[in-house]
PDB file of N, CA and C in Angstrom:
ATOM      1  N   MET A   1      31.296 -43.261  -7.677  1.00  0.00           N
ATOM      2  CA  MET A   1      31.837 -44.444  -8.366  1.00  0.00           C
ATOM      3  C   MET A   1      33.267 -44.187  -8.838  1.00  0.00           C
ATOM      4  N   GLY A   2      33.493 -43.013  -9.432  1.00  0.00           N
ATOM      5  CA  GLY A   2      34.832 -42.727  -9.956  1.00  0.00           C
ATOM      6  C   GLY A   2      35.886 -42.757  -8.862  1.00  0.00           C
ATOM      7  N   LYS A   3      35.554 -42.126  -7.721  1.00  0.00           N
ATOM      8  CA  LYS A   3      36.534 -42.105  -6.622  1.00  0.00           C
ATOM      9  C   LYS A   3      36.827 -43.525  -6.133  1.00  0.00           C
ATOM     10  N   LYS A   4      35.778 -44.335  -6.044  1.00  0.00           N
ATOM     11  CA  LYS A   4      35.989 -45.706  -5.559  1.00  0.00           C
ATOM     12  C   LYS A   4      36.893 -46.477  -6.519  1.00  0.00           C
ATOM     13  N   SER A   5      36.621 -46.368  -7.816  1.00  0.00           N
ATOM     14  CA  SER A   5      37.406 -47.144  -8.781  1.00  0.00           C
ATOM     15  C   SER A   5      38.865 -46.677  -8.771  1.00  0.00           C
ATOM     16  N   SER A   6      39.091 -45.363  -8.670  1.00  0.00           N
ATOM     17  CA  SER A   6      40.470 -44.861  -8.687  1.00  0.00           C
ATOM     18  C   SER A   6      41.210 -45.343  -7.443  1.00  0.00           C
ATOM     19  N   GLY A   7      40.541 -45.306  -6.283  1.00  0.00           N
ATOM     20  CA  GLY A   7      41.178 -45.779  -5.060  1.00  0.00           C
ATOM     21  C   GLY A   7      41.496 -47.261  -5.160  1.00  0.00           C
ATOM     22  N   HIS A   8      40.581 -48.028  -5.763  1.00  0.00           N
ATOM     23  CA  HIS A   8      40.808 -49.465  -5.912  1.00  0.00           C
ATOM     24  C   HIS A   8      42.000 -49.709  -6.829  1.00  0.00           C
ATOM     25  N   ALA A   9      42.095 -48.935  -7.910  1.00  0.00           N
ATOM     26  CA  ALA A   9      43.205 -49.111  -8.853  1.00  0.00           C
ATOM     27  C   ALA A   9      44.526 -48.775  -8.168  1.00  0.00           C
ATOM     28  N   SER A  10      44.545 -47.709  -7.384  1.00  0.00           N
ATOM     29  CA  SER A  10      45.797 -47.323  -6.715  1.00  0.00           C
ATOM     30  C   SER A  10      46.200 -48.398  -5.719  1.00  0.00           C
ATOM     31  N   SER A  11      45.234 -48.976  -5.010  1.00  0.00           N
ATOM     32  CA  SER A  11      45.559 -50.028  -4.045  1.00  0.00           C
ATOM     33  C   SER A  11      46.068 -51.267  -4.780  1.00  0.00           C
ATOM     34  N   MET A  12      45.491 -51.554  -5.945  1.00  0.00           N
ATOM     35  CA  MET A  12      45.947 -52.709  -6.718  1.00  0.00           C
ATOM     36  C   MET A  12      47.353 -52.462  -7.252  1.00  0.00           C
ATOM     37  N   LEU A  13      47.689 -51.197  -7.489  1.00  0.00           N
ATOM     38  CA  LEU A  13      49.020 -50.886  -8.017  1.00  0.00           C
ATOM     39  C   LEU A  13      50.075 -50.937  -6.917  1.00  0.00           C
ATOM     40  N   THR A  14      49.709 -50.483  -5.720  1.00  0.00           N
ATOM     41  CA  THR A  14      50.713 -50.397  -4.651  1.00  0.00           C
ATOM     42  C   THR A  14      51.141 -51.791  -4.184  1.00  0.00           C
ATOM     43  N   THR A  15      50.255 -52.770  -4.249  1.00  0.00           N
ATOM     44  CA  THR A  15      50.646 -54.102  -3.766  1.00  0.00           C
ATOM     45  C   THR A  15      51.741 -54.724  -4.635  1.00  0.00           C
ATOM     46  N   PRO A  16      51.610 -54.779  -5.969  1.00  0.00           N
ATOM     47  CA  PRO A  16      52.703 -55.338  -6.780  1.00  0.00           C
ATOM     48  C   PRO A  16      53.994 -54.536  -6.611  1.00  0.00           C
ATOM     49  N   ILE A  17      53.870 -53.216  -6.469  1.00  0.00           N
ATOM     50  CA  ILE A  17      55.072 -52.394  -6.289  1.00  0.00           C
ATOM     51  C   ILE A  17      55.769 -52.795  -4.996  1.00  0.00           C
ATOM     52  N   ALA A  18      55.008 -53.013  -3.945  1.00  0.00           N
ATOM     53  CA  ALA A  18      55.608 -53.425  -2.671  1.00  0.00           C
ATOM     54  C   ALA A  18      56.256 -54.797  -2.819  1.00  0.00           C
ATOM     55  N   GLN A  19      55.605 -55.705  -3.523  1.00  0.00           N
ATOM     56  CA  GLN A  19      56.180 -57.035  -3.725  1.00  0.00           C
ATOM     57  C   GLN A  19      57.477 -56.937  -4.515  1.00  0.00           C
ATOM     58  N   ILE A  20      57.484 -56.111  -5.568  1.00  0.00           N
ATOM     59  CA  ILE A  20      58.697 -55.965  -6.389  1.00  0.00           C
ATOM     60  C   ILE A  20      59.819 -55.358  -5.567  1.00  0.00           C
ATOM     61  N   SER A  21      59.494 -54.332  -4.757  1.00  0.00           N
ATOM     62  CA  SER A  21      60.535 -53.664  -3.966  1.00  0.00           C
ATOM     63  C   SER A  21      61.137 -54.632  -2.964  1.00  0.00           C
ATOM     64  N   THR A  22      60.364 -55.600  -2.479  1.00  0.00           N
ATOM     65  CA  THR A  22      60.908 -56.572  -1.527  1.00  0.00           C
ATOM     66  C   THR A  22      61.640 -57.693  -2.248  1.00  0.00           C
ATOM     67  N   GLN A  23      61.210 -58.024  -3.474  1.00  0.00           N
ATOM     68  CA  GLN A  23      61.837 -59.134  -4.203  1.00  0.00           C
ATOM     69  C   GLN A  23      63.145 -58.712  -4.863  1.00  0.00           C
ATOM     70  N   LEU A  24      63.241 -57.459  -5.323  1.00  0.00           N
ATOM     71  CA  LEU A  24      64.446 -57.030  -6.044  1.00  0.00           C
ATOM     72  C   LEU A  24      65.709 -57.145  -5.202  1.00  0.00           C
ATOM     73  N   PRO A  25      65.753 -56.620  -3.980  1.00  0.00           N
ATOM     74  CA  PRO A  25      66.975 -56.763  -3.172  1.00  0.00           C
ATOM     75  C   PRO A  25      67.340 -58.224  -2.939  1.00  0.00           C
ATOM     76  N   ASN A  26      66.335 -59.083  -2.753  1.00  0.00           N
ATOM     77  CA  ASN A  26      66.624 -60.504  -2.547  1.00  0.00           C
ATOM     78  C   ASN A  26      67.259 -61.095  -3.793  1.00  0.00           C
ATOM     79  N   ARG A  27      66.759 -60.724  -4.971  1.00  0.00           N
ATOM     80  CA  ARG A  27      67.342 -61.241  -6.214  1.00  0.00           C
ATOM     81  C   ARG A  27      68.763 -60.729  -6.388  1.00  0.00           C
ATOM     82  N   LEU A  28      68.971 -59.444  -6.098  1.00  0.00           N
ATOM     83  CA  LEU A  28      70.320 -58.897  -6.225  1.00  0.00           C
ATOM     84  C   LEU A  28      71.258 -59.601  -5.267  1.00  0.00           C
ATOM     85  N   ARG A  29      70.795 -59.845  -4.050  1.00  0.00           N
ATOM     86  CA  ARG A  29      71.635 -60.499  -3.054  1.00  0.00           C
ATOM     87  C   ARG A  29      71.971 -61.924  -3.504  1.00  0.00           C
ATOM     88  N   SER A  30      70.972 -62.648  -4.013  1.00  0.00           N
ATOM     89  CA  SER A  30      71.208 -64.032  -4.430  1.00  0.00           C
ATOM     90  C   SER A  30      72.147 -64.066  -5.630  1.00  0.00           C
ATOM     91  N   SER A  31      71.978 -63.135  -6.574  1.00  0.00           N
ATOM     92  CA  SER A  31      72.856 -63.114  -7.744  1.00  0.00           C
ATOM     93  C   SER A  31      74.276 -62.783  -7.321  1.00  0.00           C
ATOM     94  N   ARG A  32      74.419 -61.869  -6.363  1.00  0.00           N
ATOM     95  CA  ARG A  32      75.751 -61.517  -5.880  1.00  0.00           C
ATOM     96  C   ARG A  32      76.408 -62.720  -5.215  1.00  0.00           C
ATOM     97  N   VAL A  33      75.628 -63.471  -4.455  1.00  0.00           N
ATOM     98  CA  VAL A  33      76.167 -64.668  -3.786  1.00  0.00           C
ATOM     99  C   VAL A  33      76.580 -65.701  -4.832  1.00  0.00           C
ATOM    100  N   SER A  34      75.764 -65.875  -5.868  1.00  0.00           N
ATOM    101  CA  SER A  34      76.098 -66.861  -6.902  1.00  0.00           C
ATOM    102  C   SER A  34      77.372 -66.447  -7.630  1.00  0.00           C
ATOM    103  N   ILE A  35      77.558 -65.133  -7.859  1.00  0.00           N
ATOM    104  CA  ILE A  35      78.774 -64.662  -8.517  1.00  0.00           C
ATOM    105  C   ILE A  35      79.985 -64.950  -7.633  1.00  0.00           C
ATOM    106  N   LEU A  36      79.832 -64.693  -6.329  1.00  0.00           N
ATOM    107  CA  LEU A  36      80.942 -64.969  -5.403  1.00  0.00           C
ATOM    108  C   LEU A  36      81.243 -66.461  -5.382  1.00  0.00           C
ATOM    109  N   ASN A  37      80.219 -67.303  -5.436  1.00  0.00           N
ATOM    110  CA  ASN A  37      80.431 -68.751  -5.458  1.00  0.00           C
ATOM    111  C   ASN A  37      81.171 -69.151  -6.727  1.00  0.00           C
ATOM    112  N   ASP A  38      80.815 -68.550  -7.868  1.00  0.00           N
ATOM    113  CA  ASP A  38      81.499 -68.875  -9.122  1.00  0.00           C
ATOM    114  C   ASP A  38      82.967 -68.484  -9.032  1.00  0.00           C
ATOM    115  N   MET A  39      83.258 -67.310  -8.466  1.00  0.00           N
ATOM    116  CA  MET A  39      84.655 -66.871  -8.343  1.00  0.00           C
ATOM    117  C   MET A  39      85.420 -67.816  -7.417  1.00  0.00           C
ATOM    118  N   ALA A  40      84.769 -68.247  -6.353  1.00  0.00           N
ATOM    119  CA  ALA A  40      85.422 -69.173  -5.428  1.00  0.00           C
ATOM    120  C   ALA A  40      85.684 -70.506  -6.121  1.00  0.00           C
ATOM    121  N   ALA A  41      84.759 -70.926  -6.979  1.00  0.00           N
ATOM    122  CA  ALA A  41      84.935 -72.197  -7.687  1.00  0.00           C
ATOM    123  C   ALA A  41      86.084 -72.074  -8.694  1.00  0.00           C
ATOM    124  N   LEU A  42      86.228 -70.901  -9.304  1.00  0.00           N
ATOM    125  CA  LEU A  42      87.317 -70.717 -10.264  1.00  0.00           C
ATOM    126  C   LEU A  42      88.674 -70.793  -9.555  1.00  0.00           C
ATOM    127  N   ARG A  43      88.732 -70.274  -8.336  1.00  0.00           N
ATOM    128  CA  ARG A  43      89.990 -70.363  -7.588  1.00  0.00           C
ATOM    129  C   ARG A  43      90.197 -71.810  -7.170  1.00  0.00           C
TER     130      ARG A  43
END
């Protein structure tokens, strides 16, 4: 039972980590684009 629960917990942990690792670069990219758009609007 202990081994099963620990494996289940690790699998539950790895999925959100994978989602975060894929979402973070997209957020950084979008924020960078928005900053560039703001600078272009200021010019």
